[in-house]
Amino acid sequence: MAKVKEHKKSFGQSIKAYRESRKLSIKDLAHETGYPADLLEKVEKDETTAPVALVLQLSRTLKVDVATLDGDENKKASSRVKSQKKRAGSYAYTQLTKSGADKHLGAYLVTIEPNTAHEGVEYHHEGEEFVYVLKGKLSISVGKNTSLLSPGECIHFNSALHHALSNPSSDKTELLVVLYIP
């Protein structure tokens, strides 16, 4: 008997399915998450990769575990973290910790391309954030305050405040980012 291959939904298709199952319009989701509707539409159409902050906010708003947002609801949680680099605009991130409904702490290795900044939107999500610079330079704006950090320096802040990262140098910047989500 031939094995039937299951169709795995893309991240964007999963977000749209969860949104529609909760009878939310794209505008409703924008109001609930605080992110612009046009960005959410691009994520649903897989035209852009959602940054970590948006993934976390969508998970909380849609009341679904981050691990299930990859579109495979039947997949069992892996005993080890899947180290997959994801690109979101001018930066890439790799999840270093296992996610789950009972997990409140997430660690990421983030790489920001030279002379680049977050494009179009500042990020925010419930909880706290700790950023440690491993390599390069980091300009980080939290609320109305901007700090320039070098290797070995760090910042800890309320991640509900709007924040944006940029790399003002001509070298790649590498960060360890740890998020606490209540």
Protein backbone atom coordinates (compact mmCIF):
# COMPACT_ATOMS: atom_id res chain seq x y z
CA MET A 1 0.00 0.00 0.00
CA ALA A 2 1.41 3.41 -0.98
CA LYS A 3 2.08 5.85 1.79
CA VAL A 4 0.10 9.09 1.51
CA LYS A 5 2.29 12.11 2.14
CA GLU A 6 0.71 14.61 4.51
CA HIS A 7 0.67 18.22 3.32
CA LYS A 8 2.43 20.40 5.84
CA LYS A 9 1.13 23.95 6.10
CA SER A 10 3.58 26.81 5.86
CA PHE A 11 3.98 29.14 8.83
CA GLY A 12 1.82 31.76 7.14
CA GLN A 13 -0.90 29.23 6.28
CA SER A 14 -0.93 28.07 9.91
CA ILE A 15 -1.28 31.62 11.22
CA LYS A 16 -4.16 32.27 8.82
CA ALA A 17 -5.89 29.01 9.78
CA TYR A 18 -5.59 29.73 13.52
CA ARG A 19 -6.79 33.33 12.98
CA GLU A 20 -9.79 32.22 10.94
CA SER A 21 -10.66 29.43 13.37
CA ARG A 22 -10.93 32.12 16.06
CA LYS A 23 -13.08 34.25 13.72
CA LEU A 24 -10.60 37.14 13.73
CA SER A 25 -10.15 39.47 10.77
CA ILE A 26 -6.65 40.59 9.85
CA LYS A 27 -7.55 43.99 11.39
CA ASP A 28 -8.67 42.27 14.60
CA LEU A 29 -5.35 40.42 14.74
CA ALA A 30 -3.51 43.70 14.14
CA HIS A 31 -5.32 45.32 17.08
CA GLU A 32 -4.70 42.29 19.32
CA THR A 33 -0.98 42.00 18.52
CA GLY A 34 -0.11 45.67 18.01
CA TYR A 35 1.50 44.89 14.62
CA PRO A 36 0.36 46.50 11.35
CA ALA A 37 -2.20 44.60 9.28
CA ASP A 38 -0.04 44.85 6.14
CA LEU A 39 2.85 43.09 7.93
CA LEU A 40 0.50 40.37 9.20
CA GLU A 41 -0.86 39.87 5.66
CA LYS A 42 2.69 39.46 4.32
CA VAL A 43 3.41 36.87 7.02
CA GLU A 44 0.21 34.95 6.20
CA LYS A 45 1.12 34.97 2.49
CA ASP A 46 4.68 33.83 3.35
CA GLU A 47 6.05 36.98 1.69
CA THR A 48 8.10 37.80 4.79
CA THR A 49 9.51 35.82 7.70
CA ALA A 50 8.05 36.80 11.05
CA PRO A 51 10.62 38.11 13.52
CA VAL A 52 10.86 36.41 16.92
CA ALA A 53 8.84 39.12 18.71
CA LEU A 54 5.97 38.76 16.26
CA VAL A 55 6.00 34.94 16.49
CA LEU A 56 5.75 35.23 20.28
CA GLN A 57 2.94 37.79 20.07
CA LEU A 58 1.01 35.65 17.56
CA SER A 59 1.43 32.60 19.79
CA ARG A 60 0.03 34.46 22.78
CA THR A 61 -2.81 36.15 20.86
CA LEU A 62 -3.91 32.99 19.05
CA LYS A 63 -3.43 30.91 22.23
CA VAL A 64 -1.25 28.33 20.52
CA ASP A 65 2.18 27.00 21.41
CA VAL A 66 5.02 28.45 19.34
CA ALA A 67 6.11 24.91 18.42
CA THR A 68 2.81 24.21 16.65
CA LEU A 69 2.96 27.33 14.48
CA ASP A 70 5.20 25.55 11.97
CA GLY A 71 2.06 24.01 10.49
CA ASP A 72 2.44 20.43 11.67
CA GLU A 73 -0.02 20.00 14.51
CA ASN A 74 0.53 16.24 14.67
CA LYS A 75 4.28 16.51 15.14
CA LYS A 76 5.41 15.31 18.55
CA ALA A 77 7.68 17.61 20.51
CA SER A 78 11.27 16.74 19.87
CA SER A 79 13.54 15.92 22.80
CA ARG A 80 16.18 18.20 21.34
CA VAL A 81 15.96 21.70 19.92
CA LYS A 82 15.84 21.90 16.16
CA SER A 83 18.64 24.29 15.23
CA GLN A 84 17.27 25.97 12.16
CA LYS A 85 18.40 29.43 11.17
CA LYS A 86 15.52 31.66 10.12
CA ARG A 87 16.00 34.91 8.24
CA ALA A 88 13.83 37.94 8.96
CA GLY A 89 14.85 40.94 6.91
CA SER A 90 18.33 42.12 7.83
CA TYR A 91 18.85 39.58 10.60
CA ALA A 92 18.77 35.84 11.16
CA TYR A 93 18.03 33.88 14.31
CA THR A 94 18.43 30.36 15.60
CA GLN A 95 16.34 29.13 18.51
CA LEU A 96 18.60 27.64 21.17
CA THR A 97 15.98 26.43 23.63
CA LYS A 98 13.02 24.09 23.39
CA SER A 99 9.63 25.79 23.19
CA GLY A 100 6.41 24.60 24.77
CA ALA A 101 3.29 25.77 26.55
CA ASP A 102 5.05 25.27 29.89
CA LYS A 103 8.23 27.09 28.82
CA HIS A 104 8.61 30.78 29.67
CA LEU A 105 12.25 31.32 28.72
CA GLY A 106 13.56 31.33 25.16
CA ALA A 107 17.14 31.83 24.00
CA TYR A 108 18.17 32.81 20.47
CA LEU A 109 21.41 33.36 18.60
CA VAL A 110 20.82 36.46 16.46
CA THR A 111 23.01 37.68 13.61
CA ILE A 112 22.53 41.18 12.17
CA GLU A 113 24.03 42.07 8.81
CA PRO A 114 26.47 45.01 8.61
CA ASN A 115 25.05 48.55 8.44
CA THR A 116 21.43 47.43 8.77
CA ALA A 117 18.43 48.05 10.99
CA HIS A 118 14.98 46.61 11.64
CA GLU A 119 12.80 47.70 8.76
CA GLY A 120 9.35 49.18 9.01
CA VAL A 121 8.30 48.26 12.53
CA GLU A 122 9.58 48.34 16.09
CA TYR A 123 9.01 45.18 18.10
CA HIS A 124 7.31 44.59 21.42
CA HIS A 125 5.94 41.63 23.33
CA GLU A 126 4.97 40.79 26.86
CA GLY A 127 7.78 39.94 29.27
CA GLU A 128 11.45 40.77 29.60
CA GLU A 129 14.40 40.63 27.24
CA PHE A 130 18.13 40.23 27.83
CA VAL A 131 20.56 40.97 24.97
CA TYR A 132 24.28 40.13 25.21
CA VAL A 133 26.64 41.20 22.42
CA LEU A 134 28.95 38.36 21.38
CA LYS A 135 30.54 40.04 18.36
CA GLY A 136 30.25 43.38 16.54
CA LYS A 137 28.31 46.48 17.59
CA LEU A 138 24.66 46.87 18.47
CA SER A 139 22.53 49.98 18.53
CA ILE A 140 19.35 49.25 20.48
CA SER A 141 16.42 51.60 21.02
CA VAL A 142 14.06 50.80 23.87
CA GLY A 143 11.22 53.28 24.14
CA LYS A 144 12.88 56.67 23.59
CA ASN A 145 16.33 55.55 24.80
CA THR A 146 19.12 54.35 22.49
CA SER A 147 22.26 52.51 23.60
CA LEU A 148 25.35 51.47 21.66
CA LEU A 149 26.78 48.16 22.89
CA SER A 150 30.09 46.41 22.16
CA PRO A 151 31.16 42.77 22.70
CA GLY A 152 30.72 41.72 26.33
CA GLU A 153 28.08 44.38 27.03
CA CYS A 154 24.41 43.67 27.64
CA ILE A 155 21.01 45.22 28.22
CA HIS A 156 17.94 43.93 30.12
CA PHE A 157 14.57 45.60 29.56
CA ASN A 158 10.79 45.35 29.67
CA SER A 159 10.02 43.93 26.23
CA ALA A 160 6.51 45.40 26.23
CA LEU A 161 8.27 48.66 25.34
CA HIS A 162 8.83 49.20 21.64
CA HIS A 163 12.36 48.18 20.75
CA ALA A 164 14.49 48.03 17.63
CA LEU A 165 17.97 46.70 16.90
CA SER A 166 20.50 47.85 14.34
CA ASN A 167 24.09 47.13 13.41
CA PRO A 168 25.92 50.42 12.78
CA SER A 169 29.23 48.72 11.94
CA SER A 170 30.71 47.20 8.78
CA ASP A 171 30.98 43.74 10.43
CA LYS A 172 28.27 41.22 11.28
CA THR A 173 26.90 41.46 14.81
CA GLU A 174 26.14 38.33 16.85
CA LEU A 175 23.91 38.42 19.91
CA LEU A 176 22.61 36.08 22.55
CA VAL A 177 18.99 37.12 23.13
CA VAL A 178 17.04 35.63 26.03
CA LEU A 179 13.29 36.28 26.30
CA TYR A 180 11.10 35.71 29.33
CA ILE A 181 7.42 35.45 28.46
CA PRO A 182 5.06 35.13 31.47
